[in-house]
Amino acid sequence: MAGILSNLKSTVIAGSILALIMLLLYATVWGGALDAGFWRFLFRWLHVLSGVMWIGLLWYFNFVQIPTMPSIPDDQKPAIGKHIAPNALFWFRWGAMGTIATGLILAVLNNYFVSVITLGASNGFAVPGHTALGIGMWFGIIMWFNVWFIIWPNQQKALNIDNKYPDLPADDKAKSARTAMLFSRTNTLLSIPMLFAMVSAQGLFRIS
């Protein structure tokens, strides 16, 4: 077991195998069918999985890394900027992409994409859960946009990721770092009502 847990790739593979075993149990022992309901479940699971990666890293940046940086000695800060942050940002932005993609697919599979994207207006606001889910979806889309088109480009400049900005003046780097931080903090703010909207759509309103 230690051999598996000491390697991240092996750990993820082992976790995936356990999930596959549960799928086989569903399809055999529990008599489940690989029907439309299964595909809706699968994409909801992938949506949650991606969202945990995305929001988990968002909160890591805002609750751990950013507040801790001022107390880290200057000679140690380059290790964060050159090694930890770029890797975290990779999983952060692709977690965001996975969350949005699977969420949109799930809305299509559930036949409520148009109603949700219009905040329920397309059906006369007859389904409150669609309005709630739509609010969460739009918050998520805004957050995704911030990640890919504001936070990531500015972090590339601030940290000189992949050596794309070797000659960027220090003032411009500081400005980019602050812009990335403010929009990351914006996403943290939006994540709270976004999660409330998503959970309420399933819990309070039971849309599916």
Protein backbone atom coordinates (compact mmCIF):
# COMPACT_ATOMS: atom_id res chain seq x y z
CA MET A 1 0.00 0.00 0.00
CA ALA A 2 2.86 2.40 0.81
CA GLY A 3 4.21 1.84 -2.71
CA ILE A 4 0.90 3.01 -4.18
CA LEU A 5 0.45 5.99 -1.88
CA SER A 6 4.01 7.24 -2.32
CA ASN A 7 3.34 7.89 -6.02
CA LEU A 8 0.55 10.30 -7.03
CA LYS A 9 -0.06 8.64 -10.39
CA SER A 10 -0.45 5.24 -8.71
CA THR A 11 -2.76 6.75 -6.10
CA VAL A 12 -5.04 8.26 -8.75
CA ILE A 13 -5.07 5.02 -10.74
CA ALA A 14 -5.97 3.05 -7.60
CA GLY A 15 -8.80 5.48 -6.82
CA SER A 16 -10.08 5.18 -10.40
CA ILE A 17 -10.01 1.38 -10.17
CA LEU A 18 -12.11 1.51 -7.00
CA ALA A 19 -14.61 3.76 -8.79
CA LEU A 20 -14.66 1.30 -11.72
CA ILE A 21 -15.38 -1.56 -9.32
CA MET A 22 -18.37 0.40 -7.99
CA LEU A 23 -19.52 0.91 -11.59
CA LEU A 24 -19.28 -2.84 -12.24
CA LEU A 25 -21.28 -3.52 -9.09
CA TYR A 26 -23.90 -1.04 -10.30
CA ALA A 27 -24.13 -2.73 -13.69
CA THR A 28 -24.23 -6.31 -12.35
CA VAL A 29 -25.06 -6.94 -8.69
CA TRP A 30 -27.23 -3.84 -8.28
CA GLY A 31 -28.95 -4.31 -11.65
CA GLY A 32 -28.24 -0.82 -12.96
CA ALA A 33 -28.55 0.10 -16.62
CA LEU A 34 -26.22 2.23 -18.73
CA ASP A 35 -29.14 4.39 -19.79
CA ALA A 36 -29.69 8.15 -20.01
CA GLY A 37 -29.89 8.36 -16.23
CA PHE A 38 -26.45 6.80 -15.94
CA TRP A 39 -24.89 9.33 -18.31
CA ARG A 40 -26.48 12.17 -16.37
CA PHE A 41 -24.98 10.72 -13.20
CA LEU A 42 -21.56 10.23 -14.84
CA PHE A 43 -21.31 13.84 -15.97
CA ARG A 44 -22.57 15.09 -12.61
CA TRP A 45 -19.80 13.07 -10.93
CA LEU A 46 -17.19 14.44 -13.34
CA HIS A 47 -18.60 17.93 -12.77
CA VAL A 48 -18.21 17.57 -9.01
CA LEU A 49 -14.76 15.99 -9.38
CA SER A 50 -13.53 18.88 -11.55
CA GLY A 51 -15.17 21.42 -9.27
CA VAL A 52 -13.42 20.04 -6.21
CA MET A 53 -10.07 20.44 -7.99
CA TRP A 54 -10.92 23.99 -9.14
CA ILE A 55 -12.46 25.45 -6.00
CA GLY A 56 -10.05 23.55 -3.77
CA LEU A 57 -7.09 25.22 -5.45
CA LEU A 58 -8.87 28.59 -5.54
CA TRP A 59 -9.29 28.40 -1.78
CA TYR A 60 -5.72 27.14 -1.35
CA PHE A 61 -4.45 30.25 -3.11
CA ASN A 62 -6.68 32.61 -1.12
CA PHE A 63 -6.72 30.96 2.30
CA VAL A 64 -3.14 29.65 2.36
CA GLN A 65 -0.65 30.86 -0.26
CA ILE A 66 -1.53 34.55 -0.63
CA PRO A 67 -1.87 35.27 3.13
CA THR A 68 1.33 33.32 3.88
CA MET A 69 3.57 34.90 1.23
CA PRO A 70 4.41 38.07 3.24
CA SER A 71 5.82 35.96 6.08
CA ILE A 72 8.02 33.81 3.82
CA PRO A 73 11.69 34.95 3.74
CA ASP A 74 12.62 36.62 0.45
CA ASP A 75 15.24 34.00 -0.38
CA GLN A 76 12.58 31.26 -0.20
CA LYS A 77 9.85 32.98 -2.23
CA PRO A 78 11.32 32.03 -5.64
CA ALA A 79 10.64 28.36 -4.84
CA ILE A 80 6.93 29.17 -4.55
CA GLY A 81 6.84 31.25 -7.72
CA LYS A 82 8.96 28.93 -9.88
CA HIS A 83 7.83 25.50 -8.76
CA ILE A 84 4.65 25.34 -6.65
CA ALA A 85 2.55 28.14 -8.16
CA PRO A 86 2.96 27.15 -11.86
CA ASN A 87 1.93 23.55 -11.13
CA ALA A 88 -0.98 24.67 -8.98
CA LEU A 89 -2.09 27.08 -11.71
CA PHE A 90 -2.03 24.26 -14.28
CA TRP A 91 -4.50 22.14 -12.30
CA PHE A 92 -6.41 25.27 -11.29
CA ARG A 93 -7.20 26.42 -14.81
CA TRP A 94 -7.89 22.95 -16.21
CA GLY A 95 -10.08 22.18 -13.22
CA ALA A 96 -12.05 25.29 -14.16
CA MET A 97 -12.30 24.14 -17.78
CA GLY A 98 -13.43 20.66 -16.76
CA THR A 99 -16.04 22.07 -14.39
CA ILE A 100 -17.57 24.34 -17.00
CA ALA A 101 -17.49 21.75 -19.80
CA THR A 102 -19.10 18.97 -17.76
CA GLY A 103 -21.63 21.39 -16.27
CA LEU A 104 -22.80 22.53 -19.70
CA ILE A 105 -22.98 18.93 -20.95
CA LEU A 106 -24.98 17.96 -17.86
CA ALA A 107 -27.45 20.78 -18.48
CA VAL A 108 -27.96 19.54 -22.05
CA LEU A 109 -28.40 15.91 -20.91
CA ASN A 110 -31.00 17.06 -18.36
CA ASN A 111 -32.87 19.00 -21.06
CA TYR A 112 -32.80 22.27 -19.13
CA PHE A 113 -29.86 24.09 -20.73
CA VAL A 114 -31.94 26.86 -22.33
CA SER A 115 -34.08 27.36 -19.24
CA VAL A 116 -31.05 27.51 -16.95
CA ILE A 117 -28.91 29.75 -19.16
CA THR A 118 -31.82 32.23 -19.36
CA LEU A 119 -32.30 32.05 -15.56
CA GLY A 120 -35.69 30.44 -16.07
CA ALA A 121 -37.04 33.21 -18.32
CA SER A 122 -37.54 30.85 -21.28
CA ASN A 123 -40.23 28.93 -19.38
CA GLY A 124 -41.78 31.92 -17.64
CA PHE A 125 -39.84 31.35 -14.41
CA ALA A 126 -42.07 28.32 -13.77
CA VAL A 127 -39.18 26.29 -12.31
CA PRO A 128 -37.44 28.19 -9.48
CA GLY A 129 -34.68 25.58 -9.42
CA HIS A 130 -33.71 26.52 -12.97
CA THR A 131 -33.33 30.14 -11.92
CA ALA A 132 -31.19 29.11 -8.94
CA LEU A 133 -29.07 26.80 -11.07
CA GLY A 134 -28.77 29.49 -13.74
CA ILE A 135 -27.44 31.98 -11.21
CA GLY A 136 -24.84 29.43 -10.15
CA MET A 137 -23.99 28.66 -13.77
CA TRP A 138 -23.46 32.32 -14.66
CA PHE A 139 -21.31 32.85 -11.57
CA GLY A 140 -19.30 29.81 -12.66
CA ILE A 141 -18.93 31.13 -16.22
CA ILE A 142 -17.72 34.49 -14.89
CA MET A 143 -15.24 32.70 -12.62
CA TRP A 144 -14.03 30.52 -15.52
CA PHE A 145 -13.54 33.63 -17.67
CA ASN A 146 -11.56 35.28 -14.88
CA VAL A 147 -9.31 32.23 -14.58
CA TRP A 148 -8.47 31.86 -18.25
CA PHE A 149 -8.45 35.45 -19.49
CA ILE A 150 -7.38 37.52 -16.47
CA ILE A 151 -5.78 35.48 -13.68
CA TRP A 152 -3.71 33.11 -15.84
CA PRO A 153 -2.31 35.75 -18.26
CA ASN A 154 -1.38 38.03 -15.37
CA GLN A 155 0.21 35.20 -13.40
CA GLN A 156 2.28 34.32 -16.46
CA LYS A 157 3.63 37.86 -16.39
CA ALA A 158 4.04 38.10 -12.62
CA LEU A 159 5.87 34.78 -12.32
CA ASN A 160 7.51 34.74 -15.77
CA ILE A 161 6.07 31.27 -16.35
CA ASP A 162 7.81 29.40 -19.20
CA ASN A 163 10.15 32.40 -19.43
CA LYS A 164 7.68 34.29 -21.62
CA TYR A 165 8.31 37.66 -19.98
CA PRO A 166 12.00 37.70 -18.97
CA ASP A 167 12.40 41.46 -19.45
CA LEU A 168 9.14 42.65 -17.90
CA PRO A 169 9.83 45.58 -15.53
CA ALA A 170 9.37 44.92 -11.82
CA ASP A 171 6.54 47.46 -11.59
CA ASP A 172 4.62 45.68 -14.35
CA LYS A 173 5.14 42.34 -12.63
CA ALA A 174 3.82 43.77 -9.38
CA LYS A 175 0.81 45.24 -11.20
CA SER A 176 0.06 41.89 -12.86
CA ALA A 177 0.40 40.06 -9.54
CA ARG A 178 -2.06 42.45 -7.90
CA THR A 179 -4.54 42.13 -10.78
CA ALA A 180 -4.36 38.32 -10.57
CA MET A 181 -4.84 38.46 -6.80
CA LEU A 182 -7.87 40.77 -7.01
CA PHE A 183 -9.61 38.61 -9.58
CA SER A 184 -8.74 35.47 -7.64
CA ARG A 185 -10.28 37.12 -4.61
CA THR A 186 -13.31 38.01 -6.76
CA ASN A 187 -13.68 34.34 -7.65
CA THR A 188 -13.47 33.43 -3.97
CA LEU A 189 -16.29 35.86 -3.28
CA LEU A 190 -18.41 34.43 -6.12
CA SER A 191 -17.67 30.82 -5.17
CA ILE A 192 -19.76 31.10 -2.00
CA PRO A 193 -23.09 32.12 -3.62
CA MET A 194 -22.25 29.95 -6.65
CA LEU A 195 -22.07 26.83 -4.49
CA PHE A 196 -25.19 27.88 -2.61
CA ALA A 197 -27.09 28.24 -5.91
CA MET A 198 -25.86 24.88 -7.23
CA VAL A 199 -26.67 22.96 -4.05
CA SER A 200 -30.03 24.70 -3.55
CA ALA A 201 -31.09 23.76 -7.08
CA GLN A 202 -30.66 20.09 -6.17
CA GLY A 203 -31.63 20.30 -2.50
CA LEU A 204 -34.25 22.99 -1.97
CA PHE A 205 -35.90 22.84 -5.39
CA ARG A 206 -35.05 19.28 -6.51
CA ILE A 207 -34.96 19.97 -10.23
CA SER A 208 -33.71 16.47 -11.08
